[in-house]
Amino acid sequence: ADDITATLSGLIFASIPVFVFYAKIPYPDVHELFWCAASFALLWKGLETGALRWFAASGLAAAMAYLIRSSTAPLILLYGLMFLVGYRVHRARYLALFIGFLPPVLAEWTYYF
């Protein structure tokens, strides 16, 4: 699968009538889905290339999904499990994911405290 296939499948998914119907209603699910899918796509690109910037961008997208709804906590647990196992790349790459995750979450926490 290449980038063109991924883009086409995303466009087909976005044109499904149920998705279009719910996209018109202000539910946070659509935005959460976008940031989770972006996080997975960026993580996949990072696993392919091994570049730190993709892991940090994936962490940033995961943080945005977490800030929209905390029901994305299993996504963060999955990334933690991948860190513990050391899946496909060195564990330092996953630390870049964590560093990308921290700034938005810490900014919200400083707002509350």
C-alpha atoms as a PDB file:
ATOM      1  CA  ALA A   1       0.000   0.000   0.000  1.00  0.00           C
ATOM      2  CA  ASP A   2       1.322   3.408  -0.898  1.00  0.00           C
ATOM      3  CA  ASP A   3       0.312   6.982  -0.155  1.00  0.00           C
ATOM      4  CA  ILE A   4      -2.071   7.195  -3.130  1.00  0.00           C
ATOM      5  CA  THR A   5      -3.951   4.111  -1.973  1.00  0.00           C
ATOM      6  CA  ALA A   6      -4.210   5.519   1.553  1.00  0.00           C
ATOM      7  CA  THR A   7      -5.494   8.857   0.253  1.00  0.00           C
ATOM      8  CA  LEU A   8      -8.076   7.211  -1.993  1.00  0.00           C
ATOM      9  CA  SER A   9      -9.332   4.957   0.784  1.00  0.00           C
ATOM     10  CA  GLY A  10      -9.626   7.973   3.095  1.00  0.00           C
ATOM     11  CA  LEU A  11     -11.630   9.872   0.477  1.00  0.00           C
ATOM     12  CA  ILE A  12     -13.915   6.887  -0.091  1.00  0.00           C
ATOM     13  CA  PHE A  13     -14.436   6.556   3.666  1.00  0.00           C
ATOM     14  CA  ALA A  14     -15.175  10.276   4.002  1.00  0.00           C
ATOM     15  CA  SER A  15     -17.835  10.045   1.300  1.00  0.00           C
ATOM     16  CA  ILE A  16     -19.850   7.289   3.001  1.00  0.00           C
ATOM     17  CA  PRO A  17     -23.363   8.706   3.645  1.00  0.00           C
ATOM     18  CA  VAL A  18     -23.371   7.794   7.342  1.00  0.00           C
ATOM     19  CA  PHE A  19     -20.063   9.583   7.869  1.00  0.00           C
ATOM     20  CA  VAL A  20     -21.268  12.625   5.925  1.00  0.00           C
ATOM     21  CA  PHE A  21     -24.495  12.725   7.960  1.00  0.00           C
ATOM     22  CA  TYR A  22     -22.692  12.621  11.305  1.00  0.00           C
ATOM     23  CA  ALA A  23     -20.077  15.102  10.112  1.00  0.00           C
ATOM     24  CA  LYS A  24     -22.829  17.739   9.930  1.00  0.00           C
ATOM     25  CA  ILE A  25     -23.738  17.270  13.603  1.00  0.00           C
ATOM     26  CA  PRO A  26     -21.287  18.762  16.118  1.00  0.00           C
ATOM     27  CA  TYR A  27     -20.176  15.548  17.804  1.00  0.00           C
ATOM     28  CA  PRO A  28     -16.560  15.241  18.898  1.00  0.00           C
ATOM     29  CA  ASP A  29     -16.376  11.745  17.367  1.00  0.00           C
ATOM     30  CA  VAL A  30     -15.454  12.994  13.894  1.00  0.00           C
ATOM     31  CA  HIS A  31     -12.577  15.089  15.181  1.00  0.00           C
ATOM     32  CA  GLU A  32     -11.410  12.309  17.459  1.00  0.00           C
ATOM     33  CA  LEU A  33     -11.459   9.892  14.523  1.00  0.00           C
ATOM     34  CA  PHE A  34      -9.436  12.325  12.425  1.00  0.00           C
ATOM     35  CA  TRP A  35      -6.707  12.766  15.040  1.00  0.00           C
ATOM     36  CA  CYS A  36      -6.555   9.033  15.839  1.00  0.00           C
ATOM     37  CA  ALA A  37      -6.265   8.160  12.151  1.00  0.00           C
ATOM     38  CA  ALA A  38      -3.641  10.872  11.687  1.00  0.00           C
ATOM     39  CA  SER A  39      -1.704   9.509  14.665  1.00  0.00           C
ATOM     40  CA  PHE A  40      -1.756   5.981  13.253  1.00  0.00           C
ATOM     41  CA  ALA A  41      -0.762   7.193   9.773  1.00  0.00           C
ATOM     42  CA  LEU A  42       2.119   9.237  11.143  1.00  0.00           C
ATOM     43  CA  LEU A  43       3.232   6.343  13.339  1.00  0.00           C
ATOM     44  CA  TRP A  44       3.186   4.034  10.338  1.00  0.00           C
ATOM     45  CA  LYS A  45       5.303   6.504   8.357  1.00  0.00           C
ATOM     46  CA  GLY A  46       7.685   6.681  11.305  1.00  0.00           C
ATOM     47  CA  LEU A  47       7.939   2.893  11.488  1.00  0.00           C
ATOM     48  CA  GLU A  48       8.752   2.776   7.769  1.00  0.00           C
ATOM     49  CA  THR A  49      11.370   5.532   7.780  1.00  0.00           C
ATOM     50  CA  GLY A  50      12.600   5.535  11.377  1.00  0.00           C
ATOM     51  CA  ALA A  51      12.695   9.357  11.395  1.00  0.00           C
ATOM     52  CA  LEU A  52      12.057  11.000  14.752  1.00  0.00           C
ATOM     53  CA  ARG A  53       9.844  13.737  13.292  1.00  0.00           C
ATOM     54  CA  TRP A  54       7.133  11.237  12.308  1.00  0.00           C
ATOM     55  CA  PHE A  55       7.041   9.795  15.813  1.00  0.00           C
ATOM     56  CA  ALA A  56       6.850  13.255  17.380  1.00  0.00           C
ATOM     57  CA  ALA A  57       4.061  14.251  14.972  1.00  0.00           C
ATOM     58  CA  SER A  58       2.220  11.026  15.820  1.00  0.00           C
ATOM     59  CA  GLY A  59       2.467  11.871  19.508  1.00  0.00           C
ATOM     60  CA  LEU A  60       1.142  15.353  18.829  1.00  0.00           C
ATOM     61  CA  ALA A  61      -1.842  13.923  16.924  1.00  0.00           C
ATOM     62  CA  ALA A  62      -2.475  11.415  19.725  1.00  0.00           C
ATOM     63  CA  ALA A  63      -2.440  14.270  22.234  1.00  0.00           C
ATOM     64  CA  MET A  64      -4.990  16.186  20.180  1.00  0.00           C
ATOM     65  CA  ALA A  65      -7.224  13.109  20.082  1.00  0.00           C
ATOM     66  CA  TYR A  66      -6.814  12.650  23.835  1.00  0.00           C
ATOM     67  CA  LEU A  67      -7.681  16.280  24.523  1.00  0.00           C
ATOM     68  CA  ILE A  68     -10.855  16.028  22.445  1.00  0.00           C
ATOM     69  CA  ARG A  69     -12.052  12.910  24.248  1.00  0.00           C
ATOM     70  CA  SER A  70     -10.240  10.886  26.832  1.00  0.00           C
ATOM     71  CA  SER A  71     -11.767   7.709  25.421  1.00  0.00           C
ATOM     72  CA  THR A  72      -8.663   7.511  23.223  1.00  0.00           C
ATOM     73  CA  ALA A  73      -6.684   6.308  26.243  1.00  0.00           C
ATOM     74  CA  PRO A  74      -6.396   2.795  24.695  1.00  0.00           C
ATOM     75  CA  LEU A  75      -4.451   4.421  21.859  1.00  0.00           C
ATOM     76  CA  ILE A  76      -1.941   5.735  24.378  1.00  0.00           C
ATOM     77  CA  LEU A  77      -1.833   2.344  26.108  1.00  0.00           C
ATOM     78  CA  LEU A  78      -1.122   0.718  22.738  1.00  0.00           C
ATOM     79  CA  TYR A  79       1.773   3.103  22.152  1.00  0.00           C
ATOM     80  CA  GLY A  80       3.064   2.332  25.646  1.00  0.00           C
ATOM     81  CA  LEU A  81       2.868  -1.396  24.935  1.00  0.00           C
ATOM     82  CA  MET A  82       4.732  -0.883  21.665  1.00  0.00           C
ATOM     83  CA  PHE A  83       7.404   0.978  23.646  1.00  0.00           C
ATOM     84  CA  LEU A  84       7.755  -1.844  26.166  1.00  0.00           C
ATOM     85  CA  VAL A  85       7.999  -4.490  23.475  1.00  0.00           C
ATOM     86  CA  GLY A  86      10.269  -2.369  21.267  1.00  0.00           C
ATOM     87  CA  TYR A  87       8.185  -3.009  18.156  1.00  0.00           C
ATOM     88  CA  ARG A  88      10.196  -2.662  14.871  1.00  0.00           C
ATOM     89  CA  VAL A  89      12.380   0.290  15.929  1.00  0.00           C
ATOM     90  CA  HIS A  90      14.581   1.309  18.826  1.00  0.00           C
ATOM     91  CA  ARG A  91      12.785   2.486  21.954  1.00  0.00           C
ATOM     92  CA  ALA A  92      14.248   5.981  21.642  1.00  0.00           C
ATOM     93  CA  ARG A  93      11.910   6.526  18.696  1.00  0.00           C
ATOM     94  CA  TYR A  94       8.936   5.939  20.960  1.00  0.00           C
ATOM     95  CA  LEU A  95      10.342   8.478  23.406  1.00  0.00           C
ATOM     96  CA  ALA A  96      10.051  11.005  20.563  1.00  0.00           C
ATOM     97  CA  LEU A  97       6.376  10.034  20.374  1.00  0.00           C
ATOM     98  CA  PHE A  98       6.032  10.728  24.093  1.00  0.00           C
ATOM     99  CA  ILE A  99       7.831  14.066  23.744  1.00  0.00           C
ATOM    100  CA  GLY A 100       5.395  15.029  20.971  1.00  0.00           C
ATOM    101  CA  PHE A 101       2.496  14.014  23.205  1.00  0.00           C
ATOM    102  CA  LEU A 102       3.530  16.092  26.212  1.00  0.00           C
ATOM    103  CA  PRO A 103       3.245  19.795  25.174  1.00  0.00           C
ATOM    104  CA  PRO A 104      -0.512  19.931  24.419  1.00  0.00           C
ATOM    105  CA  VAL A 105      -1.394  17.822  27.451  1.00  0.00           C
ATOM    106  CA  LEU A 106       0.844  19.834  29.771  1.00  0.00           C
ATOM    107  CA  ALA A 107      -0.584  23.078  28.367  1.00  0.00           C
ATOM    108  CA  GLU A 108      -4.084  21.904  29.283  1.00  0.00           C
ATOM    109  CA  TRP A 109      -2.987  20.744  32.720  1.00  0.00           C
ATOM    110  CA  THR A 110      -1.400  24.111  33.486  1.00  0.00           C
ATOM    111  CA  TYR A 111      -4.667  25.725  32.507  1.00  0.00           C
ATOM    112  CA  TYR A 112      -6.564  23.629  35.044  1.00  0.00           C
ATOM    113  CA  PHE A 113      -4.033  23.986  37.857  1.00  0.00           C
END
